[in-house]
Amino acid sequence: MKEKNCRECGAKFTIEDKQLKFYEKAGYAEPERCPECRRKKRQQEFITCKDCGEVFSINGLEIQYYERNNLQLPKRCPACRRKRRESNGK
């Protein structure tokens, strides 16, 4: 058994020997996040871009970041946000 601190929230969590063997055998790195943060990362919310109409997703950890920093969730897809940044920078 191995104890680690979550890189996202700082909580301590344990990885059982059986899990460690699985990760090693499969060639995966050991988890850096606690089970709760891993679950949040897998969680998805789908948003329709207000510029191009494309549907894009944002994961639970990104949602948590926006909420923690009192920011609104993005209303534009990554491509439209990038275009907007580039046009504002000129």
PDB file of N, CA and C in Angstrom:
ATOM      1  N   MET A   1       0.846  -1.171   0.000  1.00  0.00           N
ATOM      2  CA  MET A   1       0.000   0.000   0.000  1.00  0.00           C
ATOM      3  C   MET A   1       0.895   1.239   0.000  1.00  0.00           C
ATOM      4  N   LYS A   2       0.452   2.245  -0.749  1.00  0.00           N
ATOM      5  CA  LYS A   2       1.232   3.479  -0.863  1.00  0.00           C
ATOM      6  C   LYS A   2       0.305   4.662  -0.595  1.00  0.00           C
ATOM      7  N   GLU A   3       0.793   5.604   0.194  1.00  0.00           N
ATOM      8  CA  GLU A   3       0.017   6.805   0.498  1.00  0.00           C
ATOM      9  C   GLU A   3       0.579   7.978  -0.298  1.00  0.00           C
ATOM     10  N   LYS A   4      -0.334   8.775  -0.887  1.00  0.00           N
ATOM     11  CA  LYS A   4       0.084   9.921  -1.690  1.00  0.00           C
ATOM     12  C   LYS A   4      -0.803  11.110  -1.367  1.00  0.00           C
ATOM     13  N   ASN A   5      -0.338  12.289  -1.750  1.00  0.00           N
ATOM     14  CA  ASN A   5      -1.140  13.506  -1.657  1.00  0.00           C
ATOM     15  C   ASN A   5      -1.631  13.845  -3.060  1.00  0.00           C
ATOM     16  N   CYS A   6      -2.896  14.194  -3.164  1.00  0.00           N
ATOM     17  CA  CYS A   6      -3.503  14.548  -4.441  1.00  0.00           C
ATOM     18  C   CYS A   6      -2.889  15.850  -4.951  1.00  0.00           C
ATOM     19  N   ARG A   7      -2.492  15.854  -6.217  1.00  0.00           N
ATOM     20  CA  ARG A   7      -1.873  17.054  -6.776  1.00  0.00           C
ATOM     21  C   ARG A   7      -2.899  18.152  -7.035  1.00  0.00           C
ATOM     22  N   GLU A   8      -4.177  17.781  -7.028  1.00  0.00           N
ATOM     23  CA  GLU A   8      -5.229  18.756  -7.290  1.00  0.00           C
ATOM     24  C   GLU A   8      -5.733  19.408  -6.012  1.00  0.00           C
ATOM     25  N   CYS A   9      -6.146  18.586  -5.039  1.00  0.00           N
ATOM     26  CA  CYS A   9      -6.774  19.130  -3.823  1.00  0.00           C
ATOM     27  C   CYS A   9      -5.910  18.980  -2.576  1.00  0.00           C
ATOM     28  N   GLY A  10      -4.829  18.187  -2.660  1.00  0.00           N
ATOM     29  CA  GLY A  10      -3.932  18.016  -1.525  1.00  0.00           C
ATOM     30  C   GLY A  10      -4.345  16.938  -0.538  1.00  0.00           C
ATOM     31  N   ALA A  11      -5.505  16.316  -0.750  1.00  0.00           N
ATOM     32  CA  ALA A  11      -5.974  15.268   0.165  1.00  0.00           C
ATOM     33  C   ALA A  11      -5.070  14.041   0.075  1.00  0.00           C
ATOM     34  N   LYS A  12      -4.930  13.358   1.210  1.00  0.00           N
ATOM     35  CA  LYS A  12      -4.161  12.107   1.217  1.00  0.00           C
ATOM     36  C   LYS A  12      -5.059  10.986   0.716  1.00  0.00           C
ATOM     37  N   PHE A  13      -4.476  10.096  -0.075  1.00  0.00           N
ATOM     38  CA  PHE A  13      -5.197   8.911  -0.525  1.00  0.00           C
ATOM     39  C   PHE A  13      -4.225   7.758  -0.624  1.00  0.00           C
ATOM     40  N   THR A  14      -4.758   6.563  -0.591  1.00  0.00           N
ATOM     41  CA  THR A  14      -3.900   5.371  -0.651  1.00  0.00           C
ATOM     42  C   THR A  14      -4.152   4.604  -1.939  1.00  0.00           C
ATOM     43  N   ILE A  15      -3.107   3.952  -2.387  1.00  0.00           N
ATOM     44  CA  ILE A  15      -3.186   3.066  -3.545  1.00  0.00           C
ATOM     45  C   ILE A  15      -2.820   1.681  -3.031  1.00  0.00           C
ATOM     46  N   GLU A  16      -3.729   0.759  -3.198  1.00  0.00           N
ATOM     47  CA  GLU A  16      -3.508  -0.614  -2.728  1.00  0.00           C
ATOM     48  C   GLU A  16      -2.445  -1.308  -3.580  1.00  0.00           C
ATOM     49  N   ASP A  17      -1.795  -2.303  -2.997  1.00  0.00           N
ATOM     50  CA  ASP A  17      -0.752  -3.059  -3.704  1.00  0.00           C
ATOM     51  C   ASP A  17      -1.286  -3.650  -5.007  1.00  0.00           C
ATOM     52  N   LYS A  18      -2.519  -4.152  -4.969  1.00  0.00           N
ATOM     53  CA  LYS A  18      -3.132  -4.747  -6.155  1.00  0.00           C
ATOM     54  C   LYS A  18      -3.253  -3.701  -7.272  1.00  0.00           C
ATOM     55  N   GLN A  19      -3.624  -2.474  -6.903  1.00  0.00           N
ATOM     56  CA  GLN A  19      -3.727  -1.404  -7.885  1.00  0.00           C
ATOM     57  C   GLN A  19      -2.351  -1.029  -8.431  1.00  0.00           C
ATOM     58  N   LEU A  20      -1.357  -0.951  -7.538  1.00  0.00           N
ATOM     59  CA  LEU A  20       0.001  -0.625  -7.971  1.00  0.00           C
ATOM     60  C   LEU A  20       0.510  -1.631  -8.991  1.00  0.00           C
ATOM     61  N   LYS A  21       0.253  -2.922  -8.741  1.00  0.00           N
ATOM     62  CA  LYS A  21       0.677  -3.973  -9.675  1.00  0.00           C
ATOM     63  C   LYS A  21      -0.032  -3.810 -11.020  1.00  0.00           C
ATOM     64  N   PHE A  22      -1.335  -3.477 -10.971  1.00  0.00           N
ATOM     65  CA  PHE A  22      -2.089  -3.274 -12.202  1.00  0.00           C
ATOM     66  C   PHE A  22      -1.483  -2.145 -13.028  1.00  0.00           C
ATOM     67  N   TYR A  23      -1.232  -0.994 -12.397  1.00  0.00           N
ATOM     68  CA  TYR A  23      -0.669   0.153 -13.110  1.00  0.00           C
ATOM     69  C   TYR A  23       0.687  -0.192 -13.712  1.00  0.00           C
ATOM     70  N   GLU A  24       1.504  -0.868 -12.935  1.00  0.00           N
ATOM     71  CA  GLU A  24       2.842  -1.246 -13.403  1.00  0.00           C
ATOM     72  C   GLU A  24       2.745  -2.207 -14.586  1.00  0.00           C
ATOM     73  N   LYS A  25       1.912  -3.233 -14.451  1.00  0.00           N
ATOM     74  CA  LYS A  25       1.772  -4.246 -15.507  1.00  0.00           C
ATOM     75  C   LYS A  25       1.222  -3.633 -16.796  1.00  0.00           C
ATOM     76  N   ALA A  26       0.281  -2.698 -16.661  1.00  0.00           N
ATOM     77  CA  ALA A  26      -0.339  -2.068 -17.826  1.00  0.00           C
ATOM     78  C   ALA A  26       0.528  -0.955 -18.420  1.00  0.00           C
ATOM     79  N   GLY A  27       1.589  -0.572 -17.700  1.00  0.00           N
ATOM     80  CA  GLY A  27       2.467   0.482 -18.194  1.00  0.00           C
ATOM     81  C   GLY A  27       1.948   1.883 -17.908  1.00  0.00           C
ATOM     82  N   TYR A  28       1.016   1.984 -16.960  1.00  0.00           N
ATOM     83  CA  TYR A  28       0.453   3.281 -16.581  1.00  0.00           C
ATOM     84  C   TYR A  28       1.255   3.891 -15.447  1.00  0.00           C
ATOM     85  N   ALA A  29       1.252   5.210 -15.399  1.00  0.00           N
ATOM     86  CA  ALA A  29       1.851   5.922 -14.256  1.00  0.00           C
ATOM     87  C   ALA A  29       0.890   5.814 -13.074  1.00  0.00           C
ATOM     88  N   GLU A  30       1.433   5.906 -11.882  1.00  0.00           N
ATOM     89  CA  GLU A  30       0.581   5.901 -10.688  1.00  0.00           C
ATOM     90  C   GLU A  30      -0.301   7.136 -10.700  1.00  0.00           C
ATOM     91  N   PRO A  31      -1.515   7.020 -10.181  1.00  0.00           N
ATOM     92  CA  PRO A  31      -2.393   8.197 -10.133  1.00  0.00           C
ATOM     93  C   PRO A  31      -1.786   9.311  -9.289  1.00  0.00           C
ATOM     94  N   GLU A  32      -1.956  10.523  -9.735  1.00  0.00           N
ATOM     95  CA  GLU A  32      -1.482  11.696  -9.004  1.00  0.00           C
ATOM     96  C   GLU A  32      -2.633  12.405  -8.294  1.00  0.00           C
ATOM     97  N   ARG A  33      -3.869  12.017  -8.663  1.00  0.00           N
ATOM     98  CA  ARG A  33      -5.053  12.628  -8.069  1.00  0.00           C
ATOM     99  C   ARG A  33      -5.816  11.604  -7.241  1.00  0.00           C
ATOM    100  N   CYS A  34      -6.527  12.098  -6.230  1.00  0.00           N
ATOM    101  CA  CYS A  34      -7.351  11.229  -5.387  1.00  0.00           C
ATOM    102  C   CYS A  34      -8.544  10.724  -6.207  1.00  0.00           C
ATOM    103  N   PRO A  35      -9.212   9.684  -5.738  1.00  0.00           N
ATOM    104  CA  PRO A  35     -10.356   9.154  -6.495  1.00  0.00           C
ATOM    105  C   PRO A  35     -11.422  10.208  -6.795  1.00  0.00           C
ATOM    106  N   GLU A  36     -11.696  11.107  -5.865  1.00  0.00           N
ATOM    107  CA  GLU A  36     -12.707  12.145  -6.087  1.00  0.00           C
ATOM    108  C   GLU A  36     -12.296  13.090  -7.211  1.00  0.00           C
ATOM    109  N   CYS A  37     -11.044  13.517  -7.236  1.00  0.00           N
ATOM    110  CA  CYS A  37     -10.568  14.413  -8.298  1.00  0.00           C
ATOM    111  C   CYS A  37     -10.493  13.684  -9.639  1.00  0.00           C
ATOM    112  N   ARG A  38     -10.174  12.392  -9.619  1.00  0.00           N
ATOM    113  CA  ARG A  38     -10.169  11.610 -10.864  1.00  0.00           C
ATOM    114  C   ARG A  38     -11.588  11.517 -11.421  1.00  0.00           C
ATOM    115  N   ARG A  39     -12.567  11.343 -10.531  1.00  0.00           N
ATOM    116  CA  ARG A  39     -13.970  11.277 -10.952  1.00  0.00           C
ATOM    117  C   ARG A  39     -14.389  12.621 -11.566  1.00  0.00           C
ATOM    118  N   LYS A  40     -13.995  13.720 -10.922  1.00  0.00           N
ATOM    119  CA  LYS A  40     -14.337  15.044 -11.440  1.00  0.00           C
ATOM    120  C   LYS A  40     -13.704  15.281 -12.799  1.00  0.00           C
ATOM    121  N   LYS A  41     -12.491  14.804 -12.978  1.00  0.00           N
ATOM    122  CA  LYS A  41     -11.807  15.000 -14.259  1.00  0.00           C
ATOM    123  C   LYS A  41     -12.533  14.275 -15.390  1.00  0.00           C
ATOM    124  N   ARG A  42     -13.124  13.124 -15.073  1.00  0.00           N
ATOM    125  CA  ARG A  42     -13.859  12.352 -16.084  1.00  0.00           C
ATOM    126  C   ARG A  42     -15.230  12.949 -16.376  1.00  0.00           C
ATOM    127  N   GLN A  43     -15.778  13.705 -15.433  1.00  0.00           N
ATOM    128  CA  GLN A  43     -17.082  14.333 -15.581  1.00  0.00           C
ATOM    129  C   GLN A  43     -17.013  15.366 -16.710  1.00  0.00           C
ATOM    130  N   GLN A  44     -18.017  15.418 -17.536  1.00  0.00           N
ATOM    131  CA  GLN A  44     -18.025  16.341 -18.675  1.00  0.00           C
ATOM    132  C   GLN A  44     -19.302  17.178 -18.676  1.00  0.00           C
ATOM    133  N   GLU A  45     -19.169  18.429 -19.066  1.00  0.00           N
ATOM    134  CA  GLU A  45     -20.325  19.279 -19.320  1.00  0.00           C
ATOM    135  C   GLU A  45     -20.181  19.768 -20.750  1.00  0.00           C
ATOM    136  N   PHE A  46     -21.284  19.757 -21.486  1.00  0.00           N
ATOM    137  CA  PHE A  46     -21.255  20.151 -22.889  1.00  0.00           C
ATOM    138  C   PHE A  46     -21.884  21.525 -23.049  1.00  0.00           C
ATOM    139  N   ILE A  47     -21.185  22.400 -23.795  1.00  0.00           N
ATOM    140  CA  ILE A  47     -21.604  23.783 -23.973  1.00  0.00           C
ATOM    141  C   ILE A  47     -21.585  24.088 -25.470  1.00  0.00           C
ATOM    142  N   THR A  48     -22.579  24.836 -25.936  1.00  0.00           N
ATOM    143  CA  THR A  48     -22.626  25.253 -27.331  1.00  0.00           C
ATOM    144  C   THR A  48     -21.951  26.614 -27.460  1.00  0.00           C
ATOM    145  N   CYS A  49     -20.987  26.699 -28.357  1.00  0.00           N
ATOM    146  CA  CYS A  49     -20.234  27.938 -28.580  1.00  0.00           C
ATOM    147  C   CYS A  49     -21.171  29.022 -29.109  1.00  0.00           C
ATOM    148  N   LYS A  50     -21.106  30.201 -28.508  1.00  0.00           N
ATOM    149  CA  LYS A  50     -21.994  31.288 -28.921  1.00  0.00           C
ATOM    150  C   LYS A  50     -21.567  31.933 -30.239  1.00  0.00           C
ATOM    151  N   ASP A  51     -20.347  31.647 -30.712  1.00  0.00           N
ATOM    152  CA  ASP A  51     -19.894  32.214 -31.986  1.00  0.00           C
ATOM    153  C   ASP A  51     -20.138  31.273 -33.165  1.00  0.00           C
ATOM    154  N   CYS A  52     -19.674  30.045 -33.054  1.00  0.00           N
ATOM    155  CA  CYS A  52     -19.743  29.134 -34.205  1.00  0.00           C
ATOM    156  C   CYS A  52     -20.804  28.042 -34.068  1.00  0.00           C
ATOM    157  N   GLY A  53     -21.384  27.875 -32.882  1.00  0.00           N
ATOM    158  CA  GLY A  53     -22.415  26.859 -32.683  1.00  0.00           C
ATOM    159  C   GLY A  53     -21.881  25.462 -32.420  1.00  0.00           C
ATOM    160  N   GLU A  54     -20.574  25.303 -32.421  1.00  0.00           N
ATOM    161  CA  GLU A  54     -19.941  24.002 -32.144  1.00  0.00           C
ATOM    162  C   GLU A  54     -20.156  23.642 -30.671  1.00  0.00           C
ATOM    163  N   VAL A  55     -20.410  22.369 -30.423  1.00  0.00           N
ATOM    164  CA  VAL A  55     -20.548  21.898 -29.042  1.00  0.00           C
ATOM    165  C   VAL A  55     -19.168  21.477 -28.556  1.00  0.00           C
ATOM    166  N   PHE A  56     -18.761  21.992 -27.400  1.00  0.00           N
ATOM    167  CA  PHE A  56     -17.476  21.620 -26.817  1.00  0.00           C
ATOM    168  C   PHE A  56     -17.704  21.170 -25.387  1.00  0.00           C
ATOM    169  N   SER A  57     -16.726  20.457 -24.842  1.00  0.00           N
ATOM    170  CA  SER A  57     -16.884  19.942 -23.478  1.00  0.00           C
ATOM    171  C   SER A  57     -15.860  20.586 -22.552  1.00  0.00           C
ATOM    172  N   ILE A  58     -16.231  20.581 -21.294  1.00  0.00           N
ATOM    173  CA  ILE A  58     -15.359  21.079 -20.242  1.00  0.00           C
ATOM    174  C   ILE A  58     -15.445  20.058 -19.113  1.00  0.00           C
ATOM    175  N   ASN A  59     -14.303  19.680 -18.529  1.00  0.00           N
ATOM    176  CA  ASN A  59     -14.345  18.633 -17.506  1.00  0.00           C
ATOM    177  C   ASN A  59     -14.589  19.220 -16.117  1.00  0.00           C
ATOM    178  N   GLY A  60     -14.869  18.338 -15.181  1.00  0.00           N
ATOM    179  CA  GLY A  60     -15.213  18.741 -13.824  1.00  0.00           C
ATOM    180  C   GLY A  60     -14.134  19.544 -13.126  1.00  0.00           C
ATOM    181  N   LEU A  61     -12.869  19.235 -13.371  1.00  0.00           N
ATOM    182  CA  LEU A  61     -11.786  19.993 -12.743  1.00  0.00           C
ATOM    183  C   LEU A  61     -11.715  21.410 -13.307  1.00  0.00           C
ATOM    184  N   GLU A  62     -11.993  21.556 -14.613  1.00  0.00           N
ATOM    185  CA  GLU A  62     -12.019  22.893 -15.203  1.00  0.00           C
ATOM    186  C   GLU A  62     -13.181  23.702 -14.623  1.00  0.00           C
ATOM    187  N   ILE A  63     -14.334  23.062 -14.482  1.00  0.00           N
ATOM    188  CA  ILE A  63     -15.500  23.722 -13.878  1.00  0.00           C
ATOM    189  C   ILE A  63     -15.159  24.177 -12.470  1.00  0.00           C
ATOM    190  N   GLN A  64     -14.523  23.302 -11.711  1.00  0.00           N
ATOM    191  CA  GLN A  64     -14.124  23.630 -10.335  1.00  0.00           C
ATOM    192  C   GLN A  64     -13.170  24.823 -10.322  1.00  0.00           C
ATOM    193  N   TYR A  65     -12.232  24.878 -11.264  1.00  0.00           N
ATOM    194  CA  TYR A  65     -11.289  26.000 -11.361  1.00  0.00           C
ATOM    195  C   TYR A  65     -12.045  27.310 -11.572  1.00  0.00           C
ATOM    196  N   TYR A  66     -12.970  27.315 -12.529  1.00  0.00           N
ATOM    197  CA  TYR A  66     -13.731  28.535 -12.805  1.00  0.00           C
ATOM    198  C   TYR A  66     -14.532  28.963 -11.576  1.00  0.00           C
ATOM    199  N   GLU A  67     -15.182  28.010 -10.924  1.00  0.00           N
ATOM    200  CA  GLU A  67     -15.987  28.327  -9.738  1.00  0.00           C
ATOM    201  C   GLU A  67     -15.109  28.855  -8.604  1.00  0.00           C
ATOM    202  N   ARG A  68     -13.978  28.206  -8.380  1.00  0.00           N
ATOM    203  CA  ARG A  68     -13.075  28.593  -7.299  1.00  0.00           C
ATOM    204  C   ARG A  68     -12.546  30.018  -7.490  1.00  0.00           C
ATOM    205  N   ASN A  69     -12.380  30.419  -8.741  1.00  0.00           N
ATOM    206  CA  ASN A  69     -11.847  31.746  -9.050  1.00  0.00           C
ATOM    207  C   ASN A  69     -12.944  32.754  -9.408  1.00  0.00           C
ATOM    208  N   ASN A  70     -14.189  32.413  -9.087  1.00  0.00           N
ATOM    209  CA  ASN A  70     -15.344  33.285  -9.354  1.00  0.00           C
ATOM    210  C   ASN A  70     -15.391  33.741 -10.812  1.00  0.00           C
ATOM    211  N   LEU A  71     -15.143  32.809 -11.725  1.00  0.00           N
ATOM    212  CA  LEU A  71     -15.184  33.094 -13.155  1.00  0.00           C
ATOM    213  C   LEU A  71     -16.389  32.404 -13.773  1.00  0.00           C
ATOM    214  N   GLN A  72     -16.906  32.966 -14.842  1.00  0.00           N
ATOM    215  CA  GLN A  72     -17.996  32.328 -15.575  1.00  0.00           C
ATOM    216  C   GLN A  72     -17.414  31.226 -16.454  1.00  0.00           C
ATOM    217  N   LEU A  73     -18.207  30.185 -16.687  1.00  0.00           N
ATOM    218  CA  LEU A  73     -17.780  29.139 -17.608  1.00  0.00           C
ATOM    219  C   LEU A  73     -17.667  29.740 -19.003  1.00  0.00           C
ATOM    220  N   PRO A  74     -16.741  29.239 -19.813  1.00  0.00           N
ATOM    221  CA  PRO A  74     -16.573  29.790 -21.160  1.00  0.00           C
ATOM    222  C   PRO A  74     -17.843  29.613 -21.995  1.00  0.00           C
ATOM    223  N   LYS A  75     -18.098  30.592 -22.832  1.00  0.00           N
ATOM    224  CA  LYS A  75     -19.253  30.537 -23.726  1.00  0.00           C
ATOM    225  C   LYS A  75     -18.813  30.296 -25.169  1.00  0.00           C
ATOM    226  N   ARG A  76     -17.482  30.261 -25.363  1.00  0.00           N
ATOM    227  CA  ARG A  76     -16.926  30.029 -26.696  1.00  0.00           C
ATOM    228  C   ARG A  76     -16.051  28.778 -26.670  1.00  0.00           C
ATOM    229  N   CYS A  77     -15.997  28.075 -27.795  1.00  0.00           N
ATOM    230  CA  CYS A  77     -15.148  26.894 -27.910  1.00  0.00           C
ATOM    231  C   CYS A  77     -13.682  27.335 -27.903  1.00  0.00           C
ATOM    232  N   PRO A  78     -12.762  26.419 -27.658  1.00  0.00           N
ATOM    233  CA  PRO A  78     -11.338  26.785 -27.630  1.00  0.00           C
ATOM    234  C   PRO A  78     -10.861  27.469 -28.913  1.00  0.00           C
ATOM    235  N   ALA A  79     -11.330  27.022 -30.081  1.00  0.00           N
ATOM    236  CA  ALA A  79     -10.883  27.625 -31.341  1.00  0.00           C
ATOM    237  C   ALA A  79     -11.344  29.072 -31.446  1.00  0.00           C
ATOM    238  N   CYS A  80     -12.591  29.344 -31.073  1.00  0.00           N
ATOM    239  CA  CYS A  80     -13.104  30.725 -31.132  1.00  0.00           C
ATOM    240  C   CYS A  80     -12.435  31.604 -30.080  1.00  0.00           C
ATOM    241  N   ARG A  81     -12.129  31.039 -28.915  1.00  0.00           N
ATOM    242  CA  ARG A  81     -11.414  31.814 -27.894  1.00  0.00           C
ATOM    243  C   ARG A  81     -10.029  32.192 -28.399  1.00  0.00           C
ATOM    244  N   ARG A  82      -9.359  31.244 -29.059  1.00  0.00           N
ATOM    245  CA  ARG A  82      -8.016  31.494 -29.592  1.00  0.00           C
ATOM    246  C   ARG A  82      -8.081  32.585 -30.668  1.00  0.00           C
ATOM    247  N   LYS A  83      -9.049  32.467 -31.595  1.00  0.00           N
ATOM    248  CA  LYS A  83      -9.210  33.478 -32.648  1.00  0.00           C
ATOM    249  C   LYS A  83      -9.462  34.851 -32.041  1.00  0.00           C
ATOM    250  N   ARG A  84     -10.293  34.895 -31.021  1.00  0.00           N
ATOM    251  CA  ARG A  84     -10.640  36.164 -30.366  1.00  0.00           C
ATOM    252  C   ARG A  84      -9.400  36.780 -29.705  1.00  0.00           C
ATOM    253  N   ARG A  85      -8.601  35.941 -29.029  1.00  0.00           N
ATOM    254  CA  ARG A  85      -7.363  36.431 -28.390  1.00  0.00           C
ATOM    255  C   ARG A  85      -6.409  36.986 -29.430  1.00  0.00           C
ATOM    256  N   GLU A  86      -6.256  36.236 -30.535  1.00  0.00           N
ATOM    257  CA  GLU A  86      -5.331  36.656 -31.583  1.00  0.00           C
ATOM    258  C   GLU A  86      -5.776  37.971 -32.227  1.00  0.00           C
ATOM    259  N   SER A  87      -7.063  38.134 -32.447  1.00  0.00           N
ATOM    260  CA  SER A  87      -7.547  39.363 -33.087  1.00  0.00           C
ATOM    261  C   SER A  87      -7.478  40.553 -32.118  1.00  0.00           C
ATOM    262  N   ASN A  88      -7.609  40.311 -30.831  1.00  0.00           N
ATOM    263  CA  ASN A  88      -7.496  41.383 -29.838  1.00  0.00           C
ATOM    264  C   ASN A  88      -6.042  41.785 -29.605  1.00  0.00           C
ATOM    265  N   GLY A  89      -5.125  40.873 -29.890  1.00  0.00           N
ATOM    266  CA  GLY A  89      -3.696  41.141 -29.676  1.00  0.00           C
ATOM    267  C   GLY A  89      -3.066  41.967 -30.779  1.00  0.00           C
ATOM    268  N   LYS A  90      -3.769  42.138 -31.880  1.00  0.00           N
ATOM    269  CA  LYS A  90      -3.209  42.869 -33.023  1.00  0.00           C
ATOM    270  C   LYS A  90      -3.450  44.340 -32.914  1.00  0.00           C
TER     271      LYS A  90
END
